[in-house]
Amino acid sequence: MPSGSNQARWPEAILVTVSLWLFALLMFLPIIMDRHVGEPWSSVLLDGSTIIVSMLFAMPMFAIFRKTLDWPQGARALILVGTVMATAIMNVIFDLLFQGFIADHVEAAWRSLPTDLSRTYPSALHYTLVFGVNMALFQVMFSRRTTVKQELQLSEARSTAQQAQLAALRYQLNPHFLFNALNSISALIVTRRNEDAERMTEKLSSFLRTSLSADPGELVPLEEELSLIEEYLDIESVRFGERLNVSVDCSPDACQALVPSFLVQPLVENAIKHGVAPSRDPTEIAINASVEDGELCIIVRNCIPDGAERAKVRGRPGVGLLNVRRRLEAVYGQRATLAAEAEDEAYIARICIPEIQQAS
């Protein structure tokens, strides 16, 4: 496991320390000015200049903070408290020595400054408090950076897992669709419709080339998804001819809405399987897409030819519906829904996606 010290960085520690001590100087400036009433401004400047030394004292304190990041919490807490107190005492001692030096060598007015123990206690208390805040800010800075990094790593892990799940679900469709398509080609060959079988094979090859080049985790405009469905329906039209009637109604804003690639095709495939294939009469598949109150609704509707087939589609959902539902959940969580049910003589699958994104 990498050391936590990698997340405790010197530039940020310096910035935090300088900001804190300048703030402390601003807070104590009235006290300093009151201490030097009647004296020149140079006295105030000299007294306030010790703030720079306090900033320098905070740097070894940060080095100890950084060094002990991976220590047990109990021992580390004792070390840090001791460091704060020791740093405060050293700063008080420096102040006394500095003031004595100034009084003897620089400015006569400083000779009257008290250097006895009566001033040592409040100075030590003040320094302890400020250095304690300084150490606390080091901890806050470190904790915040660590939290942000962990959240970023978690987000990346979730994104990677989502992409892997989408890829698995997306590629699950290919064998399923390919199996059905090859069955259709086989049926054409058995019935000696060789030219139709050849045309369907060519269209299948083109369709697979286009679909396999798509990114499984990519969101695409719905109009692009509908274009792929048209290629799929071209394949099935070779098999069913005039028995297959398709109508597509997509509003302009719905066409520009982004959806996971290959989201609608399994629903159309189910419509072919349960609506067109069992019937000898012309059967219509209707695809409607619209946006209402920011929610994209995609409806795939097909007629059910007889009671037996109607009872069948009311049963357990197939691979296509389960796949669509899982892909919606992977991308949108529980916000997006898929409802599929038989109504009278039709089977209706309805996808609803809230808070849609529009293609730029």
Protein backbone atom coordinates (compact mmCIF):
# COMPACT_ATOMS: atom_id res chain seq x y z
CA MET A 1 0.00 0.00 0.00
CA PRO A 2 1.47 3.40 -0.93
CA SER A 3 2.42 5.73 1.91
CA GLY A 4 -0.08 8.41 2.91
CA SER A 5 2.72 10.98 2.83
CA ASN A 6 2.29 11.11 -0.94
CA GLN A 7 -0.99 12.92 -0.34
CA ALA A 8 0.51 15.46 2.12
CA ARG A 9 2.22 17.98 -0.15
CA TRP A 10 4.61 20.76 0.78
CA PRO A 11 3.22 23.50 -1.52
CA GLU A 12 -0.22 23.19 0.02
CA ALA A 13 1.24 23.10 3.54
CA ILE A 14 3.20 26.29 2.88
CA LEU A 15 0.13 28.03 1.47
CA VAL A 16 -2.03 26.98 4.43
CA THR A 17 0.63 28.06 6.92
CA VAL A 18 1.24 31.47 5.37
CA SER A 19 -2.52 32.13 5.17
CA LEU A 20 -3.10 31.09 8.78
CA TRP A 21 -0.27 33.16 10.27
CA LEU A 22 -1.15 36.25 8.25
CA PHE A 23 -4.68 35.89 9.60
CA ALA A 24 -3.26 35.51 13.13
CA LEU A 25 -1.15 38.64 12.61
CA LEU A 26 -4.26 40.53 11.55
CA MET A 27 -6.12 39.32 14.66
CA PHE A 28 -3.29 40.26 17.06
CA LEU A 29 -2.36 43.51 15.35
CA PRO A 30 -4.48 45.65 17.74
CA ILE A 31 -2.67 44.06 20.71
CA ILE A 32 0.72 44.68 19.13
CA MET A 33 -0.15 48.30 18.35
CA ASP A 34 -1.45 48.85 21.88
CA ARG A 35 1.81 47.43 23.24
CA HIS A 36 3.81 50.10 21.35
CA VAL A 37 1.64 53.17 21.88
CA GLY A 38 3.76 56.30 21.58
CA GLU A 39 6.56 54.44 19.82
CA PRO A 40 7.45 54.70 16.12
CA TRP A 41 5.90 52.32 13.55
CA SER A 42 9.23 50.54 13.31
CA SER A 43 8.52 49.05 16.74
CA VAL A 44 5.25 47.55 15.49
CA LEU A 45 6.96 46.22 12.37
CA LEU A 46 9.76 44.64 14.38
CA ASP A 47 7.29 43.00 16.75
CA GLY A 48 5.14 41.73 13.86
CA SER A 49 8.14 40.47 11.91
CA THR A 50 8.42 37.47 14.22
CA ILE A 51 5.43 36.03 12.35
CA ILE A 52 7.86 34.97 9.62
CA VAL A 53 9.79 32.90 12.13
CA SER A 54 6.53 31.29 13.29
CA MET A 55 5.86 30.26 9.67
CA LEU A 56 9.33 28.70 9.51
CA PHE A 57 8.72 26.85 12.79
CA ALA A 58 5.57 25.34 11.25
CA MET A 59 7.57 23.64 8.49
CA PRO A 60 9.36 21.09 10.74
CA MET A 61 5.97 20.55 12.34
CA PHE A 62 4.55 19.60 8.94
CA ALA A 63 7.53 17.31 8.31
CA ILE A 64 6.68 15.42 11.52
CA PHE A 65 2.97 15.38 10.53
CA ARG A 66 3.94 13.89 7.18
CA LYS A 67 6.35 11.38 8.65
CA THR A 68 3.79 9.96 11.10
CA LEU A 69 0.86 9.60 8.67
CA ASP A 70 1.17 5.81 8.60
CA TRP A 71 1.76 5.43 12.36
CA PRO A 72 -0.88 4.01 14.77
CA GLN A 73 -3.41 6.71 15.62
CA GLY A 74 -2.76 6.73 19.37
CA ALA A 75 1.01 7.13 19.11
CA ARG A 76 0.62 9.63 16.28
CA ALA A 77 -1.77 11.81 18.29
CA LEU A 78 0.72 11.99 21.19
CA ILE A 79 3.56 12.88 18.84
CA LEU A 80 1.54 15.63 17.15
CA VAL A 81 0.33 17.17 20.42
CA GLY A 82 3.88 17.12 21.76
CA THR A 83 5.13 18.68 18.53
CA VAL A 84 2.62 21.54 18.78
CA MET A 85 3.57 22.29 22.39
CA ALA A 86 7.31 22.07 21.74
CA THR A 87 7.00 24.35 18.71
CA ALA A 88 5.01 26.89 20.72
CA ILE A 89 7.64 26.91 23.50
CA MET A 90 10.47 27.34 21.00
CA ASN A 91 8.63 30.25 19.43
CA VAL A 92 8.19 31.91 22.85
CA ILE A 93 11.89 31.48 23.63
CA PHE A 94 12.77 32.97 20.25
CA ASP A 95 10.50 35.96 20.93
CA LEU A 96 12.22 36.61 24.26
CA LEU A 97 15.71 36.34 22.82
CA PHE A 98 14.76 38.42 19.78
CA GLN A 99 13.24 41.17 21.89
CA GLY A 100 16.27 41.21 24.18
CA PHE A 101 18.57 41.50 21.17
CA ILE A 102 16.48 44.32 19.71
CA ALA A 103 16.43 46.14 23.07
CA ASP A 104 20.19 45.95 23.41
CA HIS A 105 21.29 46.62 19.85
CA VAL A 106 18.62 48.20 17.67
CA GLU A 107 16.06 50.42 19.33
CA ALA A 108 16.17 52.04 22.73
CA ALA A 109 12.40 52.16 22.97
CA TRP A 110 12.34 48.37 23.23
CA ARG A 111 14.26 48.45 26.51
CA SER A 112 10.98 48.87 28.30
CA LEU A 113 9.46 45.69 26.85
CA PRO A 114 8.62 43.14 29.56
CA THR A 115 10.61 39.94 29.20
CA ASP A 116 9.70 38.30 32.44
CA LEU A 117 7.62 35.15 33.06
CA SER A 118 4.38 37.13 33.32
CA ARG A 119 4.41 37.50 29.54
CA THR A 120 5.70 34.02 28.76
CA TYR A 121 2.51 32.19 29.75
CA PRO A 122 0.00 34.08 27.51
CA SER A 123 2.47 34.02 24.62
CA ALA A 124 2.92 30.28 24.97
CA LEU A 125 -0.86 29.84 25.11
CA HIS A 126 -1.38 31.93 21.99
CA TYR A 127 1.32 30.12 20.08
CA THR A 128 0.00 26.74 21.19
CA LEU A 129 -3.46 27.63 19.95
CA VAL A 130 -2.28 28.92 16.58
CA PHE A 131 0.19 26.08 16.00
CA GLY A 132 -2.59 23.67 17.03
CA VAL A 133 -4.85 25.19 14.38
CA ASN A 134 -1.95 24.97 11.94
CA MET A 135 -1.57 21.25 12.64
CA ALA A 136 -5.35 20.76 12.35
CA LEU A 137 -5.29 22.47 8.95
CA PHE A 138 -2.56 20.06 7.85
CA GLN A 139 -4.91 17.20 8.80
CA VAL A 140 -7.90 18.78 7.05
CA MET A 141 -5.83 19.38 3.94
CA PHE A 142 -4.55 15.79 3.95
CA SER A 143 -8.00 14.29 4.64
CA ARG A 144 -9.60 16.33 1.89
CA ARG A 145 -6.99 15.30 -0.69
CA THR A 146 -7.26 11.66 0.37
CA THR A 147 -11.07 11.77 0.18
CA VAL A 148 -11.03 13.38 -3.26
CA LYS A 149 -8.55 10.80 -4.53
CA GLN A 150 -10.61 7.92 -3.11
CA GLU A 151 -13.78 9.32 -4.67
CA LEU A 152 -12.01 9.68 -8.01
CA GLN A 153 -10.71 6.12 -7.83
CA LEU A 154 -14.16 4.86 -6.87
CA SER A 155 -15.72 6.79 -9.74
CA GLU A 156 -13.18 5.37 -12.18
CA ALA A 157 -13.77 1.86 -10.83
CA ARG A 158 -17.53 2.25 -11.20
CA SER A 159 -17.11 3.61 -14.73
CA THR A 160 -14.83 0.70 -15.66
CA ALA A 161 -17.27 -1.81 -14.18
CA GLN A 162 -20.16 -0.15 -16.01
CA GLN A 163 -18.28 -0.27 -19.31
CA ALA A 164 -17.46 -3.94 -18.76
CA GLN A 165 -21.09 -4.71 -17.93
CA LEU A 166 -22.36 -2.83 -20.97
CA ALA A 167 -19.84 -4.60 -23.18
CA ALA A 168 -20.88 -8.00 -21.82
CA LEU A 169 -24.58 -7.24 -22.32
CA ARG A 170 -23.99 -5.73 -25.74
CA TYR A 171 -21.97 -8.68 -27.01
CA GLN A 172 -24.56 -11.06 -25.59
CA LEU A 173 -26.92 -9.74 -28.26
CA ASN A 174 -24.68 -10.72 -31.15
CA PRO A 175 -24.90 -14.52 -30.74
CA HIS A 176 -28.63 -14.21 -30.00
CA PHE A 177 -29.32 -12.14 -33.10
CA LEU A 178 -26.91 -14.14 -35.25
CA PHE A 179 -28.56 -17.40 -34.23
CA ASN A 180 -31.97 -16.09 -35.34
CA ALA A 181 -30.62 -14.65 -38.57
CA LEU A 182 -28.80 -17.87 -39.51
CA ASN A 183 -31.97 -19.80 -38.77
CA SER A 184 -33.80 -17.53 -41.20
CA ILE A 185 -31.14 -18.05 -43.88
CA SER A 186 -31.32 -21.80 -43.29
CA ALA A 187 -35.10 -21.70 -43.71
CA LEU A 188 -34.71 -19.83 -47.01
CA ILE A 189 -32.25 -22.42 -48.26
CA VAL A 190 -34.51 -25.31 -47.23
CA THR A 191 -37.42 -23.75 -49.11
CA ARG A 192 -35.09 -23.28 -52.15
CA ARG A 193 -35.21 -19.50 -51.98
CA ASN A 194 -31.51 -19.39 -52.71
CA GLU A 195 -31.43 -15.87 -54.16
CA ASP A 196 -33.22 -14.53 -51.08
CA ALA A 197 -30.80 -16.45 -48.86
CA GLU A 198 -27.85 -14.92 -50.73
CA ARG A 199 -29.24 -11.39 -50.44
CA MET A 200 -29.98 -11.90 -46.75
CA THR A 201 -26.43 -13.17 -46.17
CA GLU A 202 -24.99 -10.04 -47.82
CA LYS A 203 -27.20 -7.75 -45.74
CA LEU A 204 -26.35 -9.69 -42.60
CA SER A 205 -22.64 -9.27 -43.31
CA SER A 206 -23.06 -5.50 -43.76
CA PHE A 207 -25.19 -5.20 -40.63
CA LEU A 208 -22.73 -7.11 -38.45
CA ARG A 209 -19.82 -5.07 -39.77
CA THR A 210 -21.61 -1.88 -38.76
CA SER A 211 -22.87 -3.10 -35.40
CA LEU A 212 -19.62 -4.69 -34.24
CA SER A 213 -17.71 -1.47 -34.87
CA ALA A 214 -19.93 0.38 -32.38
CA ASP A 215 -18.63 1.12 -28.88
CA PRO A 216 -20.73 -0.93 -26.40
CA GLY A 217 -20.65 1.82 -23.78
CA GLU A 218 -21.24 4.73 -26.14
CA LEU A 219 -24.40 6.79 -26.19
CA VAL A 220 -25.61 7.45 -29.73
CA PRO A 221 -28.38 9.62 -31.16
CA LEU A 222 -31.65 7.74 -31.45
CA GLU A 223 -31.77 8.45 -35.20
CA GLU A 224 -28.50 6.52 -35.55
CA GLU A 225 -30.02 3.65 -33.59
CA LEU A 226 -33.07 3.71 -35.86
CA SER A 227 -30.80 3.59 -38.92
CA LEU A 228 -29.28 0.36 -37.63
CA ILE A 229 -32.77 -1.00 -37.06
CA GLU A 230 -33.63 -0.21 -40.66
CA GLU A 231 -30.62 -2.28 -41.75
CA TYR A 232 -31.86 -5.11 -39.55
CA LEU A 233 -35.35 -4.85 -41.01
CA ASP A 234 -33.86 -4.93 -44.51
CA ILE A 235 -32.46 -8.33 -43.60
CA GLU A 236 -35.80 -9.59 -42.32
CA SER A 237 -37.69 -8.12 -45.28
CA VAL A 238 -35.87 -10.60 -47.53
CA ARG A 239 -37.38 -13.41 -45.51
CA PHE A 240 -40.90 -12.05 -44.94
CA GLY A 241 -41.47 -9.84 -47.96
CA GLU A 242 -44.87 -8.13 -47.93
CA ARG A 243 -45.80 -9.79 -44.65
CA LEU A 244 -43.57 -7.28 -42.84
CA ASN A 245 -44.87 -3.72 -42.61
CA VAL A 246 -42.96 -1.15 -40.57
CA SER A 247 -43.85 2.38 -39.54
CA VAL A 248 -41.44 4.69 -37.72
CA ASP A 249 -42.49 7.97 -36.13
CA CYS A 250 -39.70 9.85 -34.33
CA SER A 251 -40.00 13.51 -33.35
CA PRO A 252 -36.98 15.76 -34.11
CA ASP A 253 -36.01 16.22 -30.46
CA ALA A 254 -36.36 12.47 -29.84
CA CYS A 255 -34.11 11.70 -32.83
CA GLN A 256 -31.34 13.79 -31.24
CA ALA A 257 -31.68 12.15 -27.80
CA LEU A 258 -28.73 9.98 -26.79
CA VAL A 259 -29.37 6.32 -25.99
CA PRO A 260 -27.13 3.25 -25.48
CA SER A 261 -26.27 1.66 -28.80
CA PHE A 262 -28.41 -1.34 -29.79
CA LEU A 263 -31.01 -0.56 -27.15
CA VAL A 264 -34.12 -0.75 -29.34
CA GLN A 265 -33.08 -3.50 -31.78
CA PRO A 266 -33.86 -6.41 -29.38
CA LEU A 267 -37.42 -5.09 -29.01
CA VAL A 268 -37.86 -5.01 -32.79
CA GLU A 269 -36.37 -8.50 -32.99
CA ASN A 270 -38.96 -9.72 -30.46
CA ALA A 271 -41.69 -8.08 -32.53
CA ILE A 272 -40.48 -9.99 -35.58
CA LYS A 273 -40.28 -13.26 -33.68
CA HIS A 274 -43.67 -13.07 -31.94
CA GLY A 275 -45.64 -10.90 -34.34
CA VAL A 276 -44.48 -11.42 -37.93
CA ALA A 277 -42.98 -14.92 -37.99
CA PRO A 278 -46.07 -16.83 -36.69
CA SER A 279 -48.49 -14.98 -38.99
CA ARG A 280 -49.27 -15.57 -42.64
CA ASP A 281 -50.98 -12.21 -42.95
CA PRO A 282 -49.32 -8.79 -43.27
CA THR A 283 -48.25 -7.68 -39.80
CA GLU A 284 -47.29 -4.18 -38.78
CA ILE A 285 -44.50 -3.18 -36.43
CA ALA A 286 -44.81 0.42 -35.22
CA ILE A 287 -41.94 2.33 -33.64
CA ASN A 288 -42.77 5.65 -31.98
CA ALA A 289 -40.41 7.98 -30.14
CA SER A 290 -41.18 11.32 -28.51
CA VAL A 291 -39.98 13.61 -25.73
CA GLU A 292 -42.42 14.79 -23.09
CA ASP A 293 -41.33 16.95 -20.13
CA GLY A 294 -37.70 16.02 -20.72
CA GLU A 295 -38.43 12.28 -20.78
CA LEU A 296 -37.75 10.16 -23.85
CA CYS A 297 -40.39 7.50 -24.58
CA ILE A 298 -39.74 4.79 -27.17
CA ILE A 299 -42.61 2.44 -27.97
CA VAL A 300 -42.37 -0.70 -30.11
CA ARG A 301 -45.75 -2.20 -30.94
CA ASN A 302 -46.60 -5.34 -32.93
CA CYS A 303 -49.75 -7.31 -33.59
CA ILE A 304 -50.16 -10.76 -32.04
CA PRO A 305 -51.62 -13.17 -34.60
CA ASP A 306 -53.57 -15.61 -32.42
CA GLY A 307 -54.43 -16.65 -28.89
CA ALA A 308 -51.70 -19.26 -28.64
CA GLU A 309 -48.95 -16.77 -29.47
CA ARG A 310 -50.57 -14.21 -27.19
CA ALA A 311 -50.37 -16.63 -24.28
CA LYS A 312 -46.76 -17.37 -25.16
CA VAL A 313 -45.59 -13.76 -25.08
CA ARG A 314 -47.27 -13.27 -21.70
CA GLY A 315 -44.87 -15.84 -20.31
CA ARG A 316 -41.29 -15.52 -19.21
CA PRO A 317 -39.36 -12.63 -20.86
CA GLY A 318 -36.64 -13.68 -23.28
CA VAL A 319 -32.99 -12.77 -23.57
CA GLY A 320 -33.71 -9.58 -25.53
CA LEU A 321 -35.99 -7.98 -22.92
CA LEU A 322 -33.77 -8.97 -20.02
CA ASN A 323 -30.77 -7.55 -21.83
CA VAL A 324 -32.49 -4.23 -22.54
CA ARG A 325 -33.63 -3.93 -18.94
CA ARG A 326 -30.12 -4.64 -17.61
CA ARG A 327 -28.50 -2.16 -19.99
CA LEU A 328 -30.94 0.54 -18.93
CA GLU A 329 -30.15 -0.18 -15.30
CA ALA A 330 -26.39 -0.12 -15.96
CA VAL A 331 -26.56 3.33 -17.59
CA TYR A 332 -29.45 5.05 -15.77
CA GLY A 333 -29.92 3.05 -12.56
CA GLN A 334 -33.55 2.90 -11.49
CA ARG A 335 -34.47 6.12 -13.30
CA ALA A 336 -35.13 4.47 -16.69
CA THR A 337 -37.85 1.84 -17.14
CA LEU A 338 -38.88 -0.86 -19.57
CA ALA A 339 -42.49 -2.08 -19.56
CA ALA A 340 -43.54 -4.90 -21.88
CA GLU A 341 -47.00 -6.43 -21.95
CA ALA A 342 -49.74 -7.71 -24.20
CA GLU A 343 -52.72 -5.39 -24.66
CA ASP A 344 -55.72 -6.73 -26.57
CA GLU A 345 -54.32 -7.96 -29.89
CA ALA A 346 -50.98 -6.19 -29.66
CA TYR A 347 -47.76 -6.50 -27.72
CA ILE A 348 -46.26 -3.21 -26.56
CA ALA A 349 -42.77 -2.56 -25.22
CA ARG A 350 -42.20 0.90 -23.79
CA ILE A 351 -38.84 2.42 -22.79
CA CYS A 352 -38.85 5.64 -20.74
CA ILE A 353 -35.60 7.54 -20.10
CA PRO A 354 -35.72 10.68 -17.91
CA GLU A 355 -33.26 13.56 -17.99
CA ILE A 356 -32.13 12.77 -21.53
CA GLN A 357 -29.00 14.14 -23.13
CA GLN A 358 -29.14 15.72 -26.57
CA ALA A 359 -26.56 15.17 -29.29
CA SER A 360 -24.50 18.33 -29.84
